[in-house]
Each structure stands twice: as structure tokens, then as C-alpha cells.
Amino acid sequence: MKKSFSLLEIIVVIILISIISLIAFPKLFLNVTNASYIKIKSDISLVRSAIIHNRNQNIISGKGEAYMLYLDDAKVNTVNEKLFMGTSDEKLLQYPIISTSNETAEIGKWIKTTKNHYKIYINKLESIEFVYDSTH
């Protein structure tokens, strides 16, 4: 007599796998979305902290309470530019954030849209705009 699974056993296994996948897949995608949000919040906090640190360094060195005019010398809407590095005379981040472009619109990556405006995509359709105002 051959050992094999009955049709009923196969159906039960398929039903169990279906139930488990119905529960697991939505939670998996929710975790991916949460990871994107956490990365975006982390990037924004890092940039803000670097801006404040630079301003404090200016105060200590006697340059006054002025903020940097620009956060970097990167090109607008260009892939693989080093963002938030500061200018040639004032450094901001030690390790840059690499840019993407509007055409590629990679999720979780930054785009420089103008000299002081940046955008980061949450998903393919939604983005957050980051505006740097050196007067405040």
C-alpha cells in the first residue's frame, strides 16, 4: 500500500495556509510602510539637528546667530547628488543623504526641487515637502 495524503488532508492544509497568509500579509506591508515613516522622521530630525548645531557653532565662533543660507550645493532634481552636506565654507552633515529625481521618485529618498526646497516620497503618489528658511 502506497503512503500518500488524502484529498481531505490536502484541502485542510491549503485552508490553513490561506488563513495564515490572510493574517500575515497585511501586517508585513504595514511594517514596510512604518519603516518608511520612521526613516523619513529620522532624516528630518538629523537635518534639523545639524542645522541647529551649525548655528550654535556660528554663535560660539563669533559669526553671530545667523543660519546657513543654503543646506548644500547639490544640483536640482538630479540623481545621486549629496544633499545636506553644507556649502564649501560651512559643513552640515558628515554623511550625505543621496538624492533621487522626480522621474524615478524612489520611496524614502530625497529630491532637491529648488535651492531651499526638498521633497521626500512616502509612496509613489504622496510626498512631504521640506522647506529651509535661513531667516528663522
Protein backbone atom coordinates (compact mmCIF):
# COMPACT_ATOMS: atom_id res chain seq x y z
CA MET A 1 0.00 0.00 0.00
CA LYS A 2 1.38 3.43 -1.00
CA LYS A 3 1.66 6.17 1.55
CA SER A 4 0.06 9.40 0.32
CA PHE A 5 -2.09 12.26 1.51
CA SER A 6 -5.81 12.09 1.18
CA LEU A 7 -7.74 14.83 -0.61
CA LEU A 8 -9.23 15.95 2.70
CA GLU A 9 -5.78 16.41 4.27
CA ILE A 10 -4.58 18.47 1.32
CA ILE A 11 -7.68 20.71 1.48
CA VAL A 12 -7.19 21.28 5.23
CA VAL A 13 -3.56 22.27 4.70
CA ILE A 14 -4.49 24.67 1.89
CA ILE A 15 -7.18 26.27 4.07
CA LEU A 16 -4.72 26.70 6.96
CA ILE A 17 -2.10 28.26 4.70
CA SER A 18 -4.75 30.63 3.29
CA ILE A 19 -5.86 31.74 6.74
CA ILE A 20 -2.30 32.33 7.90
CA SER A 21 -1.44 34.31 4.77
CA LEU A 22 -4.58 36.46 5.13
CA ILE A 23 -3.40 37.45 8.59
CA ALA A 24 0.33 37.79 7.86
CA PHE A 25 0.46 39.70 4.53
CA PRO A 26 -1.31 42.90 5.64
CA LYS A 27 0.91 43.11 8.72
CA LEU A 28 4.01 42.66 6.56
CA PHE A 29 3.08 45.59 4.31
CA LEU A 30 2.14 47.70 7.34
CA ASN A 31 5.63 47.15 8.73
CA VAL A 32 7.22 48.25 5.44
CA THR A 33 5.15 51.46 5.49
CA ASN A 34 6.02 52.12 9.14
CA ALA A 35 9.71 51.64 8.35
CA SER A 36 9.47 54.30 5.61
CA TYR A 37 7.83 56.75 8.01
CA ILE A 38 10.45 56.08 10.67
CA LYS A 39 13.28 56.64 8.17
CA ILE A 40 11.72 59.92 6.99
CA LYS A 41 11.30 61.16 10.58
CA SER A 42 14.87 60.17 11.32
CA ASP A 43 16.21 62.03 8.28
CA ILE A 44 14.27 65.19 9.17
CA SER A 45 15.48 65.04 12.77
CA LEU A 46 19.06 64.55 11.59
CA VAL A 47 18.91 67.56 9.26
CA ARG A 48 17.26 69.79 11.88
CA SER A 49 19.84 68.78 14.46
CA ALA A 50 22.68 69.55 12.05
CA ILE A 51 21.19 72.99 11.26
CA ILE A 52 20.94 73.84 14.97
CA HIS A 53 24.46 72.53 15.61
CA ASN A 54 25.81 74.71 12.78
CA ARG A 55 24.03 77.77 14.17
CA ASN A 56 25.43 77.09 17.65
CA GLN A 57 28.92 76.77 16.16
CA ASN A 58 28.44 80.15 14.46
CA ILE A 59 27.46 81.73 17.78
CA ILE A 60 30.43 80.19 19.61
CA SER A 61 32.91 81.22 16.91
CA GLY A 62 31.62 84.81 16.88
CA LYS A 63 29.95 84.75 13.45
CA GLY A 64 26.64 85.72 15.05
CA GLU A 65 23.29 83.97 15.28
CA ALA A 66 22.87 83.53 11.54
CA TYR A 67 21.77 80.31 9.93
CA MET A 68 23.41 78.95 6.79
CA LEU A 69 21.99 80.43 3.58
CA TYR A 70 21.81 77.04 1.82
CA LEU A 71 21.96 73.47 3.04
CA ASP A 72 24.07 72.19 0.14
CA ASP A 73 25.49 72.92 -3.29
CA ALA A 74 23.71 69.96 -4.95
CA LYS A 75 22.01 70.25 -8.34
CA VAL A 76 18.23 70.47 -8.51
CA ASN A 77 16.26 67.31 -9.49
CA THR A 78 19.35 65.20 -10.12
CA VAL A 79 20.00 61.58 -9.16
CA ASN A 80 22.88 60.69 -6.80
CA GLU A 81 23.57 64.22 -5.55
CA LYS A 82 24.86 64.61 -1.99
CA LEU A 83 22.18 66.50 -0.07
CA PHE A 84 22.51 68.41 3.21
CA MET A 85 26.31 68.46 3.07
CA GLY A 86 26.54 72.22 3.63
CA THR A 87 28.49 74.60 1.46
CA SER A 88 32.21 74.81 0.78
CA ASP A 89 32.78 77.09 3.80
CA GLU A 90 30.22 75.56 6.20
CA LYS A 91 29.77 71.81 6.63
CA LEU A 92 26.45 70.34 7.73
CA LEU A 93 26.14 66.52 7.66
CA GLN A 94 29.17 64.29 7.87
CA TYR A 95 27.49 61.61 5.77
CA PRO A 96 25.24 62.88 2.97
CA ILE A 97 21.76 61.82 2.03
CA ILE A 98 21.80 60.69 -1.61
CA SER A 99 19.13 62.21 -3.85
CA THR A 100 16.76 60.86 -6.44
CA SER A 101 14.82 62.71 -9.13
CA ASN A 102 11.17 63.38 -9.92
CA GLU A 103 11.35 60.88 -12.79
CA THR A 104 12.47 57.98 -10.60
CA ALA A 105 10.59 59.10 -7.45
CA GLU A 106 12.02 56.40 -5.20
CA ILE A 107 10.15 55.93 -1.93
CA GLY A 108 12.05 57.25 1.08
CA LYS A 109 14.57 59.22 -0.99
CA TRP A 110 15.02 62.98 -1.11
CA ILE A 111 14.74 65.27 -4.15
CA LYS A 112 16.07 68.81 -4.25
CA THR A 113 13.35 70.83 -6.02
CA THR A 114 14.81 74.34 -5.65
CA LYS A 115 17.72 75.94 -3.80
CA ASN A 116 15.95 75.67 -0.40
CA HIS A 117 13.09 73.23 -1.10
CA TYR A 118 13.29 69.46 -0.80
CA LYS A 119 10.79 66.66 -1.24
CA ILE A 120 10.69 63.08 0.02
CA TYR A 121 8.29 60.47 -1.31
CA ILE A 122 6.15 58.49 1.13
CA ASN A 123 4.79 56.38 -1.72
CA LYS A 124 4.61 56.78 -5.50
CA LEU A 125 1.88 59.45 -5.25
CA GLU A 126 2.42 61.21 -1.91
CA SER A 127 5.38 63.26 -0.78
CA ILE A 128 6.40 65.57 2.05
CA GLU A 129 7.96 68.92 1.30
CA PHE A 130 10.83 70.24 3.43
CA VAL A 131 11.46 73.99 3.15
CA TYR A 132 14.56 75.59 4.61
CA ASP A 133 14.20 79.25 5.59
CA SER A 134 17.52 80.75 6.68
CA THR A 135 15.85 83.80 8.24
CA HIS A 136 14.25 81.89 11.14
